[in-house]
Amino acid sequence: MSSRPHALVIPFPAQGHVIPFLALSHSLVEQGFQITFVNTEFNHDRVVAVLSDKSGDARGIHMVSIPDGLAPGEDRNK
């Protein structure tokens, strides 16, 4: 069992909320936290693609996705 504190981060599932919560998560990692970052499948794929372009940027953050209940082509802006 890890002695590091662990935070579960769940942003509101809109892009404008995900980025600030990722910044918060990185700050917490710098303070010694282990982070589990939960995102919708739709946003998860986009975030992971961006983070994979930055070497080591997701270090200390465990990314997890959950379904948002919408079909792949369904409008998420309603």
N, C-alpha and C. Protein backbone atom coordinates (compact mmCIF):
# COMPACT_ATOMS: atom_id res chain seq x y z
N MET A 1 0.85 -1.18 0.00
CA MET A 1 0.00 0.00 0.00
C MET A 1 0.89 1.24 0.00
N SER A 2 0.55 2.20 -0.84
CA SER A 2 1.34 3.42 -0.99
C SER A 2 1.11 4.37 0.19
N SER A 3 2.17 5.04 0.60
CA SER A 3 2.04 6.03 1.67
C SER A 3 1.73 7.41 1.11
N ARG A 4 1.74 7.54 -0.21
CA ARG A 4 1.41 8.82 -0.84
C ARG A 4 -0.09 9.06 -0.78
N PRO A 5 -0.52 10.31 -0.57
CA PRO A 5 -1.96 10.59 -0.62
C PRO A 5 -2.47 10.38 -2.04
N HIS A 6 -3.73 9.98 -2.15
CA HIS A 6 -4.33 9.67 -3.45
C HIS A 6 -5.58 10.53 -3.61
N ALA A 7 -5.67 11.23 -4.74
CA ALA A 7 -6.84 12.06 -5.03
C ALA A 7 -7.55 11.52 -6.27
N LEU A 8 -8.86 11.48 -6.21
CA LEU A 8 -9.70 11.12 -7.34
C LEU A 8 -10.23 12.42 -7.93
N VAL A 9 -9.88 12.70 -9.19
CA VAL A 9 -10.26 13.95 -9.84
C VAL A 9 -11.31 13.64 -10.91
N ILE A 10 -12.49 14.28 -10.80
CA ILE A 10 -13.58 14.05 -11.74
C ILE A 10 -14.10 15.41 -12.21
N PRO A 11 -13.61 15.91 -13.35
CA PRO A 11 -14.10 17.19 -13.84
C PRO A 11 -15.47 17.07 -14.49
N PHE A 12 -16.21 18.18 -14.54
CA PHE A 12 -17.44 18.23 -15.32
C PHE A 12 -17.06 17.89 -16.76
N PRO A 13 -17.83 17.06 -17.45
CA PRO A 13 -17.40 16.55 -18.76
C PRO A 13 -17.51 17.55 -19.91
N ALA A 14 -16.82 18.67 -19.79
CA ALA A 14 -16.74 19.65 -20.86
C ALA A 14 -15.28 20.09 -20.97
N GLN A 15 -14.82 20.35 -22.18
CA GLN A 15 -13.41 20.63 -22.41
C GLN A 15 -12.91 21.79 -21.54
N GLY A 16 -13.71 22.80 -21.32
CA GLY A 16 -13.30 23.94 -20.51
C GLY A 16 -13.06 23.60 -19.05
N HIS A 17 -13.53 22.47 -18.60
CA HIS A 17 -13.32 22.03 -17.22
C HIS A 17 -12.18 21.03 -17.11
N VAL A 18 -11.96 20.28 -18.17
CA VAL A 18 -10.94 19.22 -18.14
C VAL A 18 -9.54 19.81 -18.01
N ILE A 19 -9.23 20.83 -18.79
CA ILE A 19 -7.88 21.39 -18.80
C ILE A 19 -7.49 21.98 -17.45
N PRO A 20 -8.33 22.80 -16.79
CA PRO A 20 -7.96 23.30 -15.47
C PRO A 20 -7.79 22.17 -14.43
N PHE A 21 -8.61 21.13 -14.52
CA PHE A 21 -8.48 20.01 -13.58
C PHE A 21 -7.21 19.22 -13.85
N LEU A 22 -6.77 19.15 -15.11
CA LEU A 22 -5.48 18.52 -15.40
C LEU A 22 -4.35 19.34 -14.80
N ALA A 23 -4.44 20.66 -14.91
CA ALA A 23 -3.42 21.53 -14.31
C ALA A 23 -3.37 21.33 -12.79
N LEU A 24 -4.55 21.26 -12.16
CA LEU A 24 -4.62 21.00 -10.73
C LEU A 24 -3.98 19.65 -10.41
N SER A 25 -4.28 18.65 -11.22
CA SER A 25 -3.73 17.31 -11.00
C SER A 25 -2.21 17.32 -11.07
N HIS A 26 -1.65 18.03 -12.06
CA HIS A 26 -0.19 18.11 -12.17
C HIS A 26 0.40 18.80 -10.93
N SER A 27 -0.26 19.84 -10.44
CA SER A 27 0.21 20.51 -9.22
C SER A 27 0.20 19.57 -8.02
N LEU A 28 -0.85 18.77 -7.92
CA LEU A 28 -0.93 17.82 -6.81
C LEU A 28 0.14 16.74 -6.92
N VAL A 29 0.43 16.29 -8.14
CA VAL A 29 1.51 15.31 -8.34
C VAL A 29 2.84 15.90 -7.86
N GLU A 30 3.08 17.16 -8.17
CA GLU A 30 4.31 17.83 -7.73
C GLU A 30 4.40 17.90 -6.20
N GLN A 31 3.25 17.86 -5.52
CA GLN A 31 3.22 17.89 -4.06
C GLN A 31 3.24 16.49 -3.45
N GLY A 32 3.38 15.47 -4.31
CA GLY A 32 3.51 14.11 -3.81
C GLY A 32 2.26 13.26 -3.88
N PHE A 33 1.20 13.78 -4.49
CA PHE A 33 -0.04 13.02 -4.61
C PHE A 33 0.03 12.02 -5.75
N GLN A 34 -0.72 10.96 -5.61
CA GLN A 34 -1.03 10.04 -6.70
C GLN A 34 -2.43 10.44 -7.17
N ILE A 35 -2.64 10.56 -8.47
CA ILE A 35 -3.91 11.04 -9.01
C ILE A 35 -4.57 9.98 -9.88
N THR A 36 -5.87 9.79 -9.69
CA THR A 36 -6.69 9.04 -10.63
C THR A 36 -7.63 10.06 -11.25
N PHE A 37 -7.50 10.25 -12.56
CA PHE A 37 -8.25 11.25 -13.30
C PHE A 37 -9.33 10.54 -14.11
N VAL A 38 -10.60 10.79 -13.78
CA VAL A 38 -11.73 10.12 -14.44
C VAL A 38 -12.34 11.07 -15.47
N ASN A 39 -12.55 10.54 -16.66
CA ASN A 39 -13.06 11.35 -17.75
C ASN A 39 -14.05 10.52 -18.57
N THR A 40 -14.90 11.19 -19.35
CA THR A 40 -15.77 10.45 -20.25
C THR A 40 -14.93 9.87 -21.38
N GLU A 41 -15.42 8.80 -22.00
CA GLU A 41 -14.68 8.18 -23.11
C GLU A 41 -14.39 9.19 -24.21
N PHE A 42 -15.35 10.05 -24.51
CA PHE A 42 -15.19 11.05 -25.57
C PHE A 42 -14.02 12.00 -25.26
N ASN A 43 -14.00 12.55 -24.07
CA ASN A 43 -12.92 13.47 -23.69
C ASN A 43 -11.62 12.73 -23.41
N HIS A 44 -11.71 11.53 -22.88
CA HIS A 44 -10.52 10.75 -22.53
C HIS A 44 -9.60 10.56 -23.74
N ASP A 45 -10.17 10.14 -24.86
CA ASP A 45 -9.36 9.90 -26.05
C ASP A 45 -8.65 11.17 -26.51
N ARG A 46 -9.32 12.30 -26.41
CA ARG A 46 -8.72 13.57 -26.82
C ARG A 46 -7.61 13.99 -25.87
N VAL A 47 -7.83 13.83 -24.58
CA VAL A 47 -6.83 14.21 -23.57
C VAL A 47 -5.60 13.32 -23.68
N VAL A 48 -5.79 12.03 -23.81
CA VAL A 48 -4.67 11.10 -23.90
C VAL A 48 -3.84 11.39 -25.16
N ALA A 49 -4.50 11.74 -26.26
CA ALA A 49 -3.78 12.06 -27.49
C ALA A 49 -2.89 13.28 -27.29
N VAL A 50 -3.39 14.29 -26.60
CA VAL A 50 -2.59 15.50 -26.33
C VAL A 50 -1.44 15.18 -25.39
N LEU A 51 -1.71 14.42 -24.33
CA LEU A 51 -0.66 14.10 -23.36
C LEU A 51 0.41 13.21 -23.95
N SER A 52 0.06 12.35 -24.91
CA SER A 52 1.06 11.46 -25.50
C SER A 52 2.05 12.25 -26.35
N ASP A 53 1.66 13.46 -26.79
CA ASP A 53 2.57 14.30 -27.55
C ASP A 53 3.63 14.96 -26.66
N LYS A 54 3.37 15.01 -25.36
CA LYS A 54 4.29 15.66 -24.42
C LYS A 54 4.94 14.57 -23.58
N SER A 55 6.21 14.38 -23.77
CA SER A 55 6.93 13.29 -23.11
C SER A 55 6.81 13.37 -21.59
N GLY A 56 6.25 12.31 -20.98
CA GLY A 56 6.18 12.21 -19.53
C GLY A 56 5.16 13.12 -18.88
N ASP A 57 4.32 13.79 -19.65
CA ASP A 57 3.40 14.77 -19.08
C ASP A 57 2.34 14.16 -18.18
N ALA A 58 2.01 12.87 -18.37
CA ALA A 58 0.98 12.24 -17.56
C ALA A 58 1.58 11.46 -16.40
N ARG A 59 2.86 11.59 -16.16
CA ARG A 59 3.53 10.85 -15.09
C ARG A 59 2.86 11.16 -13.75
N GLY A 60 2.48 10.12 -13.03
CA GLY A 60 1.84 10.30 -11.73
C GLY A 60 0.33 10.44 -11.80
N ILE A 61 -0.21 10.47 -13.02
CA ILE A 61 -1.66 10.60 -13.19
C ILE A 61 -2.17 9.35 -13.91
N HIS A 62 -3.05 8.62 -13.24
CA HIS A 62 -3.67 7.43 -13.83
C HIS A 62 -4.97 7.87 -14.49
N MET A 63 -5.03 7.75 -15.82
CA MET A 63 -6.20 8.17 -16.59
C MET A 63 -7.20 7.03 -16.69
N VAL A 64 -8.47 7.31 -16.36
CA VAL A 64 -9.54 6.32 -16.41
C VAL A 64 -10.71 6.93 -17.18
N SER A 65 -11.35 6.12 -18.02
CA SER A 65 -12.52 6.63 -18.75
C SER A 65 -13.78 5.86 -18.36
N ILE A 66 -14.90 6.56 -18.44
CA ILE A 66 -16.21 5.96 -18.19
C ILE A 66 -17.13 6.37 -19.33
N PRO A 67 -18.15 5.57 -19.64
CA PRO A 67 -19.08 5.95 -20.71
C PRO A 67 -19.93 7.15 -20.29
N ASP A 68 -20.27 7.99 -21.28
CA ASP A 68 -21.13 9.14 -20.98
C ASP A 68 -22.59 8.86 -21.32
N GLY A 69 -22.88 7.67 -21.85
CA GLY A 69 -24.26 7.30 -22.14
C GLY A 69 -24.78 7.78 -23.48
N LEU A 70 -23.93 8.44 -24.27
CA LEU A 70 -24.35 8.94 -25.57
C LEU A 70 -23.73 8.09 -26.67
N ALA A 71 -24.44 7.98 -27.79
CA ALA A 71 -23.91 7.27 -28.95
C ALA A 71 -22.76 8.08 -29.55
N PRO A 72 -21.82 7.44 -30.27
CA PRO A 72 -20.65 8.15 -30.80
C PRO A 72 -20.98 9.39 -31.62
N GLY A 73 -22.04 9.40 -32.42
CA GLY A 73 -22.36 10.56 -33.24
C GLY A 73 -23.32 11.54 -32.60
N GLU A 74 -23.75 11.27 -31.40
CA GLU A 74 -24.76 12.10 -30.73
C GLU A 74 -24.16 13.44 -30.29
N ASP A 75 -24.99 14.51 -30.37
CA ASP A 75 -24.55 15.86 -30.02
C ASP A 75 -24.33 15.98 -28.51
N ARG A 76 -23.13 16.34 -28.11
CA ARG A 76 -22.79 16.49 -26.70
C ARG A 76 -22.88 17.95 -26.23
N ASN A 77 -23.34 18.82 -27.11
CA ASN A 77 -23.42 20.25 -26.78
C ASN A 77 -24.81 20.69 -26.36
N LYS A 78 -25.72 19.77 -26.19
CA LYS A 78 -27.09 20.14 -25.79
C LYS A 78 -27.18 20.40 -24.32
